[in-house]
């Protein structure tokens, strides 16, 4: 019998829709707990969908699990991952029968609970990686601006500041001067500002920021040595500490500096793949995940900079034996063989929909890439193109506002 999969997300990423489609292609029943108007609603992949409420996140996920009764639940963004970790902690302290069932499911879905705090904290994760002998750039958690200045005096510029609990490049700043570093630290360390929370809640329709804004807790910030060179990413399907299949890719283009990849080149670096296997084994991890690396342009060495203990956007790509994450995961989950038809294309570069279409579609890089359009879901393609148009209009408006501001004029 095909597995029943519950995908859990707190945001409206297209990658979650693609993941739902990938599970549906191999025959799974797919449910989704998510905010309203999710792109996946435009596909035919879903069986049931459940409403996510940012102010009662754990309850949203708990109710969805009970109603869906899935064989596995997979987080699709970092906030969802943390909510499922909290749900496990709450359920493990409850004597109710439902809570015991939820605990059992989450442990089967995400692996050893001892590893949950490690995958949430950059400091703890980097400490574990160093113990395993995996190459990482110098990294230090910061408790004050004085520590920031001391670190910069020792290692110099440029440097990378990162805030825990952020993703998609939102909590990352590359700094080249001390004043810029101090400003970035102040912004990243500070609790969420009211104006930012209001914008995300009412304009972006993102309710995840309401509780952090109410709590007003400062964020943990770490500093990391900057590695000059291209990014690389490894997506992996894991089962009880074993990496079943993986996709290694060099990032050729991103949506913004340190943002999500839009065009990638498939490759296979044995050192990166061995590092992933070591970490997954040590964590006892189960699920879909991604690892971010920087490749030093001077010597070609790869430095691990981050783990995303949730599904990433290349996880849904069916690339054949040892690189079909969804089929491999379903086979391990059910004990029965699953397979998907591999993508057929020449070359080794892939433009990821819809993010790559927001860039220069006339470039040689885009034109020579395999265009990963979900042509079997025309409504999803239409929605993606509409969002690209809206994004283009917003960028154009921002450029006009900036131009008029520089000229000392009011916006017409």
Protein backbone atom coordinates (compact mmCIF):
# COMPACT_ATOMS: atom_id res chain seq x y z
CA UNK A 1 0.00 0.00 0.00
CA UNK A 2 1.31 3.47 -0.90
CA UNK A 3 2.27 5.67 2.06
CA UNK A 4 0.10 8.53 3.26
CA UNK A 5 2.23 11.68 3.49
CA UNK A 6 1.44 14.88 5.38
CA UNK A 7 3.49 17.89 4.31
CA UNK A 8 3.70 20.71 6.85
CA UNK A 9 4.51 24.29 5.90
CA UNK A 10 4.04 27.78 7.30
CA UNK A 11 4.69 29.69 4.08
CA UNK A 12 3.67 29.71 0.42
CA UNK A 13 6.72 28.30 -1.32
CA UNK A 14 6.25 26.73 -4.74
CA UNK A 15 8.77 24.05 -3.79
CA UNK A 16 6.17 22.53 -1.45
CA UNK A 17 3.72 22.21 -4.32
CA UNK A 18 6.42 20.49 -6.40
CA UNK A 19 7.14 18.14 -3.48
CA UNK A 20 3.46 17.22 -3.19
CA UNK A 21 3.41 16.50 -6.94
CA UNK A 22 6.50 14.30 -6.64
CA UNK A 23 4.95 12.17 -3.89
CA UNK A 24 1.69 11.94 -5.82
CA UNK A 25 3.52 10.80 -8.96
CA UNK A 26 4.87 7.71 -7.20
CA UNK A 27 1.39 6.89 -5.91
CA UNK A 28 1.31 8.40 -2.41
CA UNK A 29 -1.73 10.02 -0.86
CA UNK A 30 -0.66 13.57 -0.03
CA UNK A 31 -2.18 15.93 2.53
CA UNK A 32 -0.95 19.44 3.33
CA UNK A 33 -1.21 21.68 6.39
CA UNK A 34 -0.47 25.23 5.24
CA UNK A 35 -1.57 28.88 5.15
CA UNK A 36 -4.53 29.86 2.92
CA UNK A 37 -4.04 30.28 -0.84
CA UNK A 38 -1.03 28.00 -1.04
CA UNK A 39 0.32 27.36 -4.58
CA UNK A 40 -0.28 23.62 -4.08
CA UNK A 41 -4.02 24.32 -4.23
CA UNK A 42 -3.52 24.93 -7.97
CA UNK A 43 -2.27 21.38 -8.48
CA UNK A 44 -4.06 18.02 -8.46
CA UNK A 45 -1.62 16.50 -6.00
CA UNK A 46 -3.52 16.96 -2.73
CA UNK A 47 -6.02 14.70 -1.05
CA UNK A 48 -6.85 16.91 1.94
CA UNK A 49 -5.59 20.30 3.09
CA UNK A 50 -5.64 21.69 6.60
CA UNK A 51 -5.41 25.30 7.77
CA UNK A 52 -2.24 26.53 9.45
CA UNK A 53 -2.67 29.32 12.04
CA UNK A 54 0.50 31.16 13.02
CA UNK A 55 -0.79 32.11 16.47
CA UNK A 56 -1.61 28.48 17.33
CA UNK A 57 0.99 26.67 15.28
CA UNK A 58 1.45 23.49 17.32
CA UNK A 59 -2.32 23.02 17.62
CA UNK A 60 -2.66 23.46 13.84
CA UNK A 61 -0.11 20.73 13.20
CA UNK A 62 -1.49 18.49 15.97
CA UNK A 63 -5.02 18.66 14.57
CA UNK A 64 -3.81 18.06 11.02
CA UNK A 65 -1.91 14.96 12.12
CA UNK A 66 -4.94 13.51 13.90
CA UNK A 67 -7.27 14.19 10.96
CA UNK A 68 -4.84 13.06 8.26
CA UNK A 69 -3.55 9.95 10.10
CA UNK A 70 -0.42 9.90 7.90
CA UNK A 71 2.39 7.39 7.80
CA UNK A 72 4.91 10.23 7.77
CA UNK A 73 4.92 14.00 8.29
CA UNK A 74 7.57 16.14 6.62
CA UNK A 75 8.39 19.81 7.36
CA UNK A 76 8.86 21.98 4.26
CA UNK A 77 10.35 25.11 5.85
CA UNK A 78 12.42 25.95 8.92
CA UNK A 79 9.55 27.38 10.96
CA UNK A 80 7.49 24.24 10.34
CA UNK A 81 10.44 22.13 11.43
CA UNK A 82 10.72 24.03 14.73
CA UNK A 83 6.96 23.78 15.32
CA UNK A 84 7.07 20.02 14.86
CA UNK A 85 9.99 19.82 17.28
CA UNK A 86 7.99 21.80 19.85
CA UNK A 87 4.96 19.61 19.23
CA UNK A 88 7.04 16.52 19.95
CA UNK A 89 8.28 18.08 23.20
CA UNK A 90 4.75 18.99 24.30
CA UNK A 91 3.27 15.62 23.30
CA UNK A 92 6.06 13.68 25.04
CA UNK A 93 5.04 15.28 28.35
CA UNK A 94 1.37 14.38 27.94
CA UNK A 95 -0.25 11.13 29.05
CA UNK A 96 -3.08 11.35 26.52
CA UNK A 97 -3.39 8.54 23.98
CA UNK A 98 -3.42 10.97 21.04
CA UNK A 99 -0.20 12.58 22.24
CA UNK A 100 1.56 9.23 22.41
CA UNK A 101 0.55 8.51 18.82
CA UNK A 102 1.79 11.95 17.73
CA UNK A 103 5.13 11.37 19.49
CA UNK A 104 5.57 8.03 17.76
CA UNK A 105 4.79 9.53 14.36
CA UNK A 106 7.12 12.52 14.77
CA UNK A 107 9.98 10.36 15.97
CA UNK A 108 9.51 8.08 12.96
CA UNK A 109 9.28 11.13 10.66
CA UNK A 110 12.25 13.20 11.89
CA UNK A 111 14.56 10.75 13.62
CA UNK A 112 16.23 10.90 17.04
CA UNK A 113 14.70 13.72 19.16
CA UNK A 114 18.11 14.32 20.78
CA UNK A 115 19.18 15.85 17.47
CA UNK A 116 16.31 18.36 17.23
CA UNK A 117 18.03 21.15 19.23
CA UNK A 118 21.22 20.58 17.22
CA UNK A 119 19.54 21.11 13.86
CA UNK A 120 17.90 24.31 15.16
CA UNK A 121 21.09 25.96 16.44
CA UNK A 122 23.95 27.02 14.18
CA UNK A 123 26.32 26.95 17.16
CA UNK A 124 25.43 23.39 18.21
CA UNK A 125 25.38 22.11 14.65
CA UNK A 126 28.79 23.56 13.81
CA UNK A 127 30.25 22.08 17.00
CA UNK A 128 28.98 18.64 16.01
CA UNK A 129 30.29 18.98 12.45
CA UNK A 130 33.77 19.92 13.69
CA UNK A 131 33.80 16.80 15.92
CA UNK A 132 33.13 14.72 12.81
CA UNK A 133 36.09 16.25 11.00
CA UNK A 134 34.00 17.96 8.33
CA UNK A 135 35.58 21.12 6.90
CA UNK A 136 33.76 24.28 8.07
CA UNK A 137 34.72 27.97 8.12
CA UNK A 138 35.61 29.57 11.44
CA UNK A 139 32.34 30.33 13.23
CA UNK A 140 31.49 31.88 16.59
CA UNK A 141 28.21 32.73 18.37
CA UNK A 142 28.13 36.36 19.47
CA UNK A 143 26.87 37.66 22.80
CA UNK A 144 27.90 41.27 22.34
CA UNK A 145 29.27 43.81 19.89
CA UNK A 146 32.60 43.61 21.76
CA UNK A 147 32.89 39.93 20.81
CA UNK A 148 32.10 40.91 17.23
CA UNK A 149 34.96 43.42 17.17
CA UNK A 150 37.36 40.92 18.75
CA UNK A 151 36.52 38.26 16.14
CA UNK A 152 36.93 40.70 13.26
CA UNK A 153 40.26 41.86 14.65
CA UNK A 154 41.46 38.25 14.52
CA UNK A 155 39.97 37.03 11.22
CA UNK A 156 39.30 40.23 9.28
CA UNK A 157 36.90 41.05 6.46
CA UNK A 158 34.71 40.13 4.73
CA UNK A 159 32.64 38.18 7.24
CA UNK A 160 29.16 36.71 7.36
CA UNK A 161 26.64 37.41 10.15
CA UNK A 162 23.75 34.98 10.58
CA UNK A 163 20.71 35.01 12.85
CA UNK A 164 19.25 31.73 14.12
CA UNK A 165 15.67 30.96 13.16
CA UNK A 166 15.87 32.52 9.71
CA UNK A 167 15.99 31.07 6.20
CA UNK A 168 16.05 32.00 2.52
CA UNK A 169 18.86 34.49 3.09
CA UNK A 170 16.68 36.73 5.26
CA UNK A 171 18.92 36.54 8.33
CA UNK A 172 22.30 36.72 6.55
CA UNK A 173 24.53 39.77 6.08
CA UNK A 174 27.94 39.91 4.41
CA UNK A 175 29.93 42.77 5.91
CA UNK A 176 33.10 44.48 4.68
CA UNK A 177 33.68 47.21 7.28
CA UNK A 178 33.40 47.53 11.04
CA UNK A 179 30.56 50.12 10.98
CA UNK A 180 28.58 47.88 8.61
CA UNK A 181 29.24 44.86 10.84
CA UNK A 182 28.05 46.70 13.97
CA UNK A 183 24.89 47.86 12.20
CA UNK A 184 24.15 44.38 10.88
CA UNK A 185 24.68 42.82 14.31
CA UNK A 186 22.31 45.32 15.92
CA UNK A 187 19.60 44.62 13.33
CA UNK A 188 19.94 40.84 13.39
CA UNK A 189 20.19 40.60 17.17
CA UNK A 190 17.24 42.88 17.90
CA UNK A 191 13.69 41.52 18.38
CA UNK A 192 11.41 41.80 15.38
CA UNK A 193 10.48 45.43 14.73
CA UNK A 194 6.81 46.44 14.78
CA UNK A 195 6.91 47.89 11.27
CA UNK A 196 8.45 44.67 9.90
CA UNK A 197 5.93 42.51 11.73
CA UNK A 198 3.06 44.64 10.41
CA UNK A 199 4.34 44.45 6.84
CA UNK A 200 4.76 40.68 6.93
CA UNK A 201 1.38 40.13 8.60
CA UNK A 202 -0.84 42.42 6.56
CA UNK A 203 0.96 42.69 3.22
CA UNK A 204 2.81 39.38 2.94
CA UNK A 205 0.02 37.55 4.83
CA UNK A 206 2.62 35.81 6.98
CA UNK A 207 1.26 35.13 10.46
CA UNK A 208 4.49 33.46 11.64
CA UNK A 209 5.90 36.75 12.90
CA UNK A 210 3.04 37.56 15.31
CA UNK A 211 4.23 35.41 18.21
CA UNK A 212 7.95 36.38 17.86
CA UNK A 213 6.90 40.06 17.74
CA UNK A 214 4.81 39.65 20.91
CA UNK A 215 7.61 37.80 22.72
CA UNK A 216 10.28 40.35 21.74
CA UNK A 217 13.15 37.96 22.36
CA UNK A 218 16.56 38.93 20.91
CA UNK A 219 17.92 36.50 18.32
CA UNK A 220 21.14 34.54 18.58
CA UNK A 221 23.66 35.83 16.01
CA UNK A 222 26.81 34.06 14.86
CA UNK A 223 29.73 35.26 12.76
CA UNK A 224 31.44 33.16 10.13
CA UNK A 225 34.51 33.55 7.96
CA UNK A 226 33.56 34.42 4.40
CA UNK A 227 34.57 31.83 1.80
CA UNK A 228 35.03 33.39 -1.64
CA UNK A 229 33.61 31.11 -4.31
CA UNK A 230 30.41 29.52 -5.59
CA UNK A 231 27.71 27.90 -3.46
CA UNK A 232 26.86 24.21 -3.61
CA UNK A 233 23.90 22.34 -2.19
CA UNK A 234 23.27 18.69 -1.40
CA UNK A 235 19.69 17.49 -0.96
CA UNK A 236 19.27 14.10 0.72
CA UNK A 237 16.59 11.54 1.56
CA UNK A 238 17.39 9.86 4.85
CA UNK A 239 16.05 6.96 6.87
CA UNK A 240 17.11 6.22 10.46
CA UNK A 241 20.54 7.76 10.05
CA UNK A 242 21.24 6.50 6.54
CA UNK A 243 21.44 8.78 3.49
CA UNK A 244 19.48 6.81 0.89
CA UNK A 245 19.84 9.13 -2.11
CA UNK A 246 21.25 12.58 -2.74
CA UNK A 247 21.42 15.36 -5.32
CA UNK A 248 24.63 17.40 -5.41
CA UNK A 249 24.50 20.68 -7.32
CA UNK A 250 26.57 23.82 -7.76
CA UNK A 251 24.51 27.00 -7.52
CA UNK A 252 24.92 29.12 -10.65
CA UNK A 253 22.30 31.75 -9.93
CA UNK A 254 20.25 32.88 -6.93
CA UNK A 255 17.16 35.03 -6.48
CA UNK A 256 19.21 37.45 -4.34
CA UNK A 257 22.58 37.42 -2.56
CA UNK A 258 22.63 34.35 -0.28
CA UNK A 259 19.03 33.67 -1.32
CA UNK A 260 17.44 30.52 -2.78
CA UNK A 261 19.01 28.96 -5.87
CA UNK A 262 17.30 29.59 -9.20
CA UNK A 263 19.66 27.75 -11.59
CA UNK A 264 21.88 24.84 -10.55
CA UNK A 265 24.44 22.58 -12.22
CA UNK A 266 24.33 18.92 -11.28
CA UNK A 267 27.63 17.46 -10.10
CA UNK A 268 29.00 14.89 -7.69
CA UNK A 269 31.66 15.73 -5.14
CA UNK A 270 32.59 12.69 -3.05
CA UNK A 271 33.86 14.79 -0.14
CA UNK A 272 30.54 16.64 0.18
CA UNK A 273 28.54 13.42 -0.06
CA UNK A 274 30.68 11.72 2.58
CA UNK A 275 30.23 14.71 4.88
CA UNK A 276 26.45 14.46 4.48
CA UNK A 277 26.49 10.74 5.27
CA UNK A 278 28.56 11.32 8.43
CA UNK A 279 26.25 14.04 9.73
CA UNK A 280 23.02 12.17 8.95
CA UNK A 281 24.39 9.08 10.72
CA UNK A 282 25.47 11.04 13.78
CA UNK A 283 22.10 12.81 14.05
CA UNK A 284 20.08 9.65 13.48
CA UNK A 285 18.12 11.76 11.01
CA UNK A 286 15.03 10.68 9.10
CA UNK A 287 13.35 12.77 6.40
CA UNK A 288 14.32 15.09 3.59
CA UNK A 289 17.04 17.68 4.16
CA UNK A 290 19.56 19.97 2.49
CA UNK A 291 23.16 20.98 3.16
CA UNK A 292 24.71 24.26 2.00
CA UNK A 293 28.40 24.46 1.11
CA UNK A 294 30.78 27.14 -0.11
CA UNK A 295 33.49 26.15 -2.60
CA UNK A 296 36.74 28.01 -2.04
CA UNK A 297 37.68 29.48 -5.42
CA UNK A 298 41.36 29.44 -4.45
CA UNK A 299 41.71 25.69 -3.87
CA UNK A 300 38.37 24.02 -4.66
CA UNK A 301 37.77 22.88 -1.08
CA UNK A 302 34.14 22.68 0.06
CA UNK A 303 33.16 24.23 3.40
CA UNK A 304 29.87 23.21 5.02
CA UNK A 305 28.01 26.28 6.25
CA UNK A 306 24.50 25.10 7.09
CA UNK A 307 22.01 22.25 7.33
CA UNK A 308 18.31 22.60 6.60
CA UNK A 309 16.59 19.75 8.43
CA UNK A 310 13.56 19.92 6.12
CA UNK A 311 12.71 19.45 2.46
CA UNK A 312 14.54 21.77 0.06
CA UNK A 313 13.62 22.75 -3.47
CA UNK A 314 15.71 20.16 -5.36
CA UNK A 315 14.29 17.26 -3.33
CA UNK A 316 11.42 16.78 -5.80
CA UNK A 317 13.63 16.26 -8.88
CA UNK A 318 13.52 12.62 -10.14
CA UNK A 319 17.05 12.14 -11.46
CA UNK A 320 17.30 8.36 -11.60
CA UNK A 321 19.11 5.77 -9.44
CA UNK A 322 20.70 7.13 -6.24
CA UNK A 323 19.34 10.60 -7.09
CA UNK A 324 15.57 10.03 -6.87
CA UNK A 325 14.93 11.17 -3.31
CA UNK A 326 11.16 10.65 -3.22
CA UNK A 327 11.19 7.11 -4.60
CA UNK A 328 14.06 6.11 -2.30
CA UNK A 329 12.32 7.56 0.74
CA UNK A 330 8.98 5.87 -0.04
CA UNK A 331 10.74 2.54 -0.58
CA UNK A 332 12.37 2.76 2.86
CA UNK A 333 9.13 3.91 4.48
CA UNK A 334 6.90 1.18 3.04
CA UNK A 335 9.33 -1.67 2.41
CA UNK A 336 8.06 -1.86 -1.17
CA UNK A 337 9.86 -0.64 -4.32
CA UNK A 338 8.81 2.75 -5.68
CA UNK A 339 10.06 4.49 -8.80
CA UNK A 340 9.47 7.64 -10.82
CA UNK A 341 10.25 8.39 -14.45
CA UNK A 342 13.61 10.22 -14.51
CA UNK A 343 13.79 13.66 -16.10
CA UNK A 344 15.06 13.46 -19.66
CA UNK A 345 17.32 16.32 -20.69
CA UNK A 346 20.72 16.98 -22.17
CA UNK A 347 23.32 18.97 -20.29
CA UNK A 348 23.59 19.33 -16.54
CA UNK A 349 21.96 22.67 -15.63
CA UNK A 350 18.40 23.07 -14.36
CA UNK A 351 16.34 26.28 -14.09
CA UNK A 352 13.99 25.94 -11.12
CA UNK A 353 10.42 27.14 -11.54
CA UNK A 354 9.28 29.79 -10.84
CA UNK A 355 12.28 31.53 -9.27
CA UNK A 356 14.52 31.29 -12.36
CA UNK A 357 11.88 33.04 -14.46
CA UNK A 358 12.25 36.14 -12.27
CA UNK A 359 15.77 36.63 -13.60
CA UNK A 360 17.07 37.26 -17.09
CA UNK A 361 15.31 34.66 -19.24
CA UNK A 362 17.23 35.83 -22.33
CA UNK A 363 20.62 34.95 -20.80
CA UNK A 364 22.71 32.14 -22.29
CA UNK A 365 22.65 30.38 -18.91
CA UNK A 366 18.85 30.30 -18.76
CA UNK A 367 18.46 29.38 -22.42
CA UNK A 368 20.89 26.47 -22.15
CA UNK A 369 19.29 25.06 -18.98
CA UNK A 370 16.62 22.42 -18.62
CA UNK A 371 13.46 24.39 -17.79
CA UNK A 372 11.81 22.57 -14.90
CA UNK A 373 8.24 23.66 -15.75
CA UNK A 374 5.41 21.52 -14.32
CA UNK A 375 3.62 21.32 -17.66
CA UNK A 376 1.23 18.65 -16.34
CA UNK A 377 -0.15 21.27 -13.93
CA UNK A 378 -1.09 24.27 -16.14
CA UNK A 379 -2.89 26.08 -13.32
CA UNK A 380 0.27 26.00 -11.21
CA UNK A 381 2.33 27.30 -14.14
CA UNK A 382 -0.19 30.11 -14.65
CA UNK A 383 -0.06 31.05 -10.97
CA UNK A 384 3.75 31.10 -11.02
CA UNK A 385 3.82 33.36 -14.05
CA UNK A 386 1.32 35.72 -12.42
CA UNK A 387 3.52 35.99 -9.34
CA UNK A 388 6.56 36.67 -11.52
CA UNK A 389 4.70 39.55 -13.15
CA UNK A 390 3.68 40.96 -9.77
CA UNK A 391 7.26 40.69 -8.51
CA UNK A 392 8.54 42.49 -11.62
CA UNK A 393 6.04 45.32 -11.11
CA UNK A 394 7.03 45.64 -7.45
CA UNK A 395 10.73 45.84 -8.35
CA UNK A 396 10.00 48.46 -11.00
CA UNK A 397 7.99 50.52 -8.52
CA UNK A 398 10.80 50.30 -5.94
CA UNK A 399 13.32 51.53 -8.54
CA UNK A 400 11.11 54.54 -9.34
CA UNK A 401 10.66 55.35 -5.64
CA UNK A 402 14.44 55.14 -5.12
CA UNK A 403 15.09 57.35 -8.15
CA UNK A 404 12.64 60.06 -7.06
CA UNK A 405 14.05 59.93 -3.53
CA UNK A 406 17.60 60.50 -4.82
CA UNK A 407 16.38 63.46 -6.87
CA UNK A 408 14.61 64.92 -3.83
CA UNK A 409 11.20 64.61 -5.54
CA UNK A 410 7.90 63.19 -4.34
CA UNK A 411 6.58 60.07 -5.99
CA UNK A 412 4.03 61.06 -8.65
